[in-house]
Amino acid sequence: MARVKGAMMTRKRRNKTLKLAKGYFGAKSKHFKMAKQAVMKSGQYAYIGRKQRKRDFRQLWITRISAAAKLNGMNYSTFMNGCKKAGITLNRKMLSEIAIHDAEGFAAIVAQAKAAL
């Protein structure tokens, strides 16, 4: 069998990593060994960040709903319990959008939730 030399694939692999590390500070964007470590760590941060973004947005929506419910004389947990009992199946994202953009509409939802309790 013919001898296969790996220089081309090694160079491609290294260039791919260095391309991902473009813009990193100092040697992290120039030296393969440091770039490889930085790219691996940034990949871990990106993976974790995709999970945290979902948590952060849910927390934001809950905070907004809570603030709007307090303005209408209810706390968050009582409001959500009333919504469930009233059969209001809007998710937290939509409830927070209604609370921001349509205060009267949100007040009507709170009234329905109060009536269901």
C-alpha atoms as a PDB file:
ATOM      1  CA  MET A   1       0.000   0.000   0.000  1.00  0.00           C
ATOM      2  CA  ALA A   2       1.063   3.555  -0.620  1.00  0.00           C
ATOM      3  CA  ARG A   3       2.214   5.704   2.252  1.00  0.00           C
ATOM      4  CA  VAL A   4      -0.244   8.401   3.320  1.00  0.00           C
ATOM      5  CA  LYS A   5       1.127  11.545   4.916  1.00  0.00           C
ATOM      6  CA  GLY A   6      -1.176  13.523   7.195  1.00  0.00           C
ATOM      7  CA  ALA A   7       0.151  17.036   6.744  1.00  0.00           C
ATOM      8  CA  MET A   8      -2.791  18.363   4.722  1.00  0.00           C
ATOM      9  CA  MET A   9      -5.487  17.155   7.105  1.00  0.00           C
ATOM     10  CA  THR A  10      -3.492  18.326  10.123  1.00  0.00           C
ATOM     11  CA  ARG A  11      -3.151  21.783   8.591  1.00  0.00           C
ATOM     12  CA  LYS A  12      -6.902  21.896   7.767  1.00  0.00           C
ATOM     13  CA  ARG A  13      -7.804  20.855  11.304  1.00  0.00           C
ATOM     14  CA  ARG A  14      -5.504  23.467  12.815  1.00  0.00           C
ATOM     15  CA  ASN A  15      -6.735  26.195  10.503  1.00  0.00           C
ATOM     16  CA  LYS A  16     -10.344  25.363  11.416  1.00  0.00           C
ATOM     17  CA  THR A  17      -9.554  25.793  15.114  1.00  0.00           C
ATOM     18  CA  LEU A  18      -7.582  28.995  14.498  1.00  0.00           C
ATOM     19  CA  LYS A  19     -10.467  30.375  12.454  1.00  0.00           C
ATOM     20  CA  LEU A  20     -12.843  29.726  15.383  1.00  0.00           C
ATOM     21  CA  ALA A  21     -10.351  31.493  17.688  1.00  0.00           C
ATOM     22  CA  LYS A  22     -10.147  34.583  15.490  1.00  0.00           C
ATOM     23  CA  GLY A  23     -10.559  37.712  17.590  1.00  0.00           C
ATOM     24  CA  TYR A  24      -9.385  36.137  20.826  1.00  0.00           C
ATOM     25  CA  PHE A  25      -6.862  38.120  22.869  1.00  0.00           C
ATOM     26  CA  GLY A  26      -3.121  37.610  22.422  1.00  0.00           C
ATOM     27  CA  ALA A  27      -1.679  34.174  21.733  1.00  0.00           C
ATOM     28  CA  LYS A  28      -5.093  32.523  21.999  1.00  0.00           C
ATOM     29  CA  SER A  29      -5.779  33.561  18.419  1.00  0.00           C
ATOM     30  CA  LYS A  30      -2.294  32.758  17.055  1.00  0.00           C
ATOM     31  CA  HIS A  31      -0.932  29.614  18.726  1.00  0.00           C
ATOM     32  CA  PHE A  32      -2.737  26.385  17.982  1.00  0.00           C
ATOM     33  CA  LYS A  33      -2.304  24.855  21.443  1.00  0.00           C
ATOM     34  CA  MET A  34      -3.751  27.861  23.246  1.00  0.00           C
ATOM     35  CA  ALA A  35      -6.404  28.418  20.583  1.00  0.00           C
ATOM     36  CA  LYS A  36      -7.569  24.823  20.921  1.00  0.00           C
ATOM     37  CA  GLN A  37      -8.031  25.220  24.687  1.00  0.00           C
ATOM     38  CA  ALA A  38      -9.809  28.557  24.271  1.00  0.00           C
ATOM     39  CA  VAL A  39     -12.154  27.199  21.580  1.00  0.00           C
ATOM     40  CA  MET A  40     -13.027  24.164  23.712  1.00  0.00           C
ATOM     41  CA  LYS A  41     -13.778  26.381  26.718  1.00  0.00           C
ATOM     42  CA  SER A  42     -15.818  28.831  24.641  1.00  0.00           C
ATOM     43  CA  GLY A  43     -17.815  25.895  23.287  1.00  0.00           C
ATOM     44  CA  GLN A  44     -18.615  24.851  26.831  1.00  0.00           C
ATOM     45  CA  TYR A  45     -19.688  28.381  27.720  1.00  0.00           C
ATOM     46  CA  ALA A  46     -21.875  28.540  24.598  1.00  0.00           C
ATOM     47  CA  TYR A  47     -23.541  25.230  25.465  1.00  0.00           C
ATOM     48  CA  ILE A  48     -24.208  26.332  29.056  1.00  0.00           C
ATOM     49  CA  GLY A  49     -25.383  29.744  27.821  1.00  0.00           C
ATOM     50  CA  ARG A  50     -28.030  28.197  25.583  1.00  0.00           C
ATOM     51  CA  LYS A  51     -29.547  26.545  28.657  1.00  0.00           C
ATOM     52  CA  GLN A  52     -29.201  29.652  30.841  1.00  0.00           C
ATOM     53  CA  ARG A  53     -30.915  31.883  28.263  1.00  0.00           C
ATOM     54  CA  LYS A  54     -34.127  29.872  28.654  1.00  0.00           C
ATOM     55  CA  ARG A  55     -33.953  30.249  32.447  1.00  0.00           C
ATOM     56  CA  ASP A  56     -33.178  33.942  32.239  1.00  0.00           C
ATOM     57  CA  PHE A  57     -36.107  34.708  29.955  1.00  0.00           C
ATOM     58  CA  ARG A  58     -38.538  32.714  32.101  1.00  0.00           C
ATOM     59  CA  GLN A  59     -37.297  34.614  35.165  1.00  0.00           C
ATOM     60  CA  LEU A  60     -37.770  37.930  33.332  1.00  0.00           C
ATOM     61  CA  TRP A  61     -41.321  37.038  32.281  1.00  0.00           C
ATOM     62  CA  ILE A  62     -42.223  35.985  35.824  1.00  0.00           C
ATOM     63  CA  THR A  63     -40.830  39.245  37.227  1.00  0.00           C
ATOM     64  CA  ARG A  64     -42.868  41.285  34.742  1.00  0.00           C
ATOM     65  CA  ILE A  65     -46.063  39.330  35.425  1.00  0.00           C
ATOM     66  CA  SER A  66     -45.496  39.662  39.166  1.00  0.00           C
ATOM     67  CA  ALA A  67     -45.070  43.437  38.934  1.00  0.00           C
ATOM     68  CA  ALA A  68     -48.192  43.820  36.792  1.00  0.00           C
ATOM     69  CA  ALA A  69     -50.231  41.531  39.070  1.00  0.00           C
ATOM     70  CA  LYS A  70     -49.185  43.557  42.131  1.00  0.00           C
ATOM     71  CA  LEU A  71     -50.480  46.707  40.424  1.00  0.00           C
ATOM     72  CA  ASN A  72     -53.827  44.915  40.148  1.00  0.00           C
ATOM     73  CA  GLY A  73     -53.874  43.773  43.768  1.00  0.00           C
ATOM     74  CA  MET A  74     -52.634  40.181  43.479  1.00  0.00           C
ATOM     75  CA  ASN A  75     -49.350  38.432  43.963  1.00  0.00           C
ATOM     76  CA  TYR A  76     -47.799  36.214  41.286  1.00  0.00           C
ATOM     77  CA  SER A  77     -48.554  32.785  42.714  1.00  0.00           C
ATOM     78  CA  THR A  78     -52.199  33.622  43.460  1.00  0.00           C
ATOM     79  CA  PHE A  79     -52.582  35.104  39.990  1.00  0.00           C
ATOM     80  CA  MET A  80     -51.142  32.018  38.273  1.00  0.00           C
ATOM     81  CA  ASN A  81     -53.323  29.724  40.398  1.00  0.00           C
ATOM     82  CA  GLY A  82     -56.374  31.791  39.454  1.00  0.00           C
ATOM     83  CA  CYS A  83     -55.432  31.624  35.774  1.00  0.00           C
ATOM     84  CA  LYS A  84     -55.137  27.849  35.942  1.00  0.00           C
ATOM     85  CA  LYS A  85     -58.527  27.533  37.666  1.00  0.00           C
ATOM     86  CA  ALA A  86     -60.135  29.972  35.215  1.00  0.00           C
ATOM     87  CA  GLY A  87     -58.827  27.920  32.272  1.00  0.00           C
ATOM     88  CA  ILE A  88     -56.579  30.677  30.944  1.00  0.00           C
ATOM     89  CA  THR A  89     -53.859  28.803  29.072  1.00  0.00           C
ATOM     90  CA  LEU A  90     -51.651  31.731  28.073  1.00  0.00           C
ATOM     91  CA  ASN A  91     -47.966  31.066  28.673  1.00  0.00           C
ATOM     92  CA  ARG A  92     -45.741  33.361  30.725  1.00  0.00           C
ATOM     93  CA  LYS A  93     -44.180  34.982  27.669  1.00  0.00           C
ATOM     94  CA  MET A  94     -47.559  36.082  26.317  1.00  0.00           C
ATOM     95  CA  LEU A  95     -48.803  37.170  29.740  1.00  0.00           C
ATOM     96  CA  SER A  96     -45.727  39.388  30.182  1.00  0.00           C
ATOM     97  CA  GLU A  97     -46.203  40.891  26.703  1.00  0.00           C
ATOM     98  CA  ILE A  98     -49.855  41.651  27.509  1.00  0.00           C
ATOM     99  CA  ALA A  99     -48.796  43.161  30.840  1.00  0.00           C
ATOM    100  CA  ILE A 100     -46.346  45.501  29.076  1.00  0.00           C
ATOM    101  CA  HIS A 101     -48.352  46.519  26.019  1.00  0.00           C
ATOM    102  CA  ASP A 102     -51.997  46.211  27.107  1.00  0.00           C
ATOM    103  CA  ALA A 103     -52.567  47.118  30.758  1.00  0.00           C
ATOM    104  CA  GLU A 104     -56.372  47.048  30.446  1.00  0.00           C
ATOM    105  CA  GLY A 105     -56.288  43.603  28.880  1.00  0.00           C
ATOM    106  CA  PHE A 106     -54.063  42.325  31.662  1.00  0.00           C
ATOM    107  CA  ALA A 107     -56.406  43.848  34.239  1.00  0.00           C
ATOM    108  CA  ALA A 108     -59.262  41.892  32.638  1.00  0.00           C
ATOM    109  CA  ILE A 109     -57.244  38.669  32.897  1.00  0.00           C
ATOM    110  CA  VAL A 110     -56.527  39.432  36.566  1.00  0.00           C
ATOM    111  CA  ALA A 111     -60.261  40.000  37.137  1.00  0.00           C
ATOM    112  CA  GLN A 112     -61.020  36.588  35.594  1.00  0.00           C
ATOM    113  CA  ALA A 113     -58.320  34.964  37.750  1.00  0.00           C
ATOM    114  CA  LYS A 114     -59.767  36.619  40.898  1.00  0.00           C
ATOM    115  CA  ALA A 115     -63.255  35.431  40.024  1.00  0.00           C
ATOM    116  CA  ALA A 116     -62.046  31.834  39.605  1.00  0.00           C
ATOM    117  CA  LEU A 117     -60.560  31.719  43.121  1.00  0.00           C
END
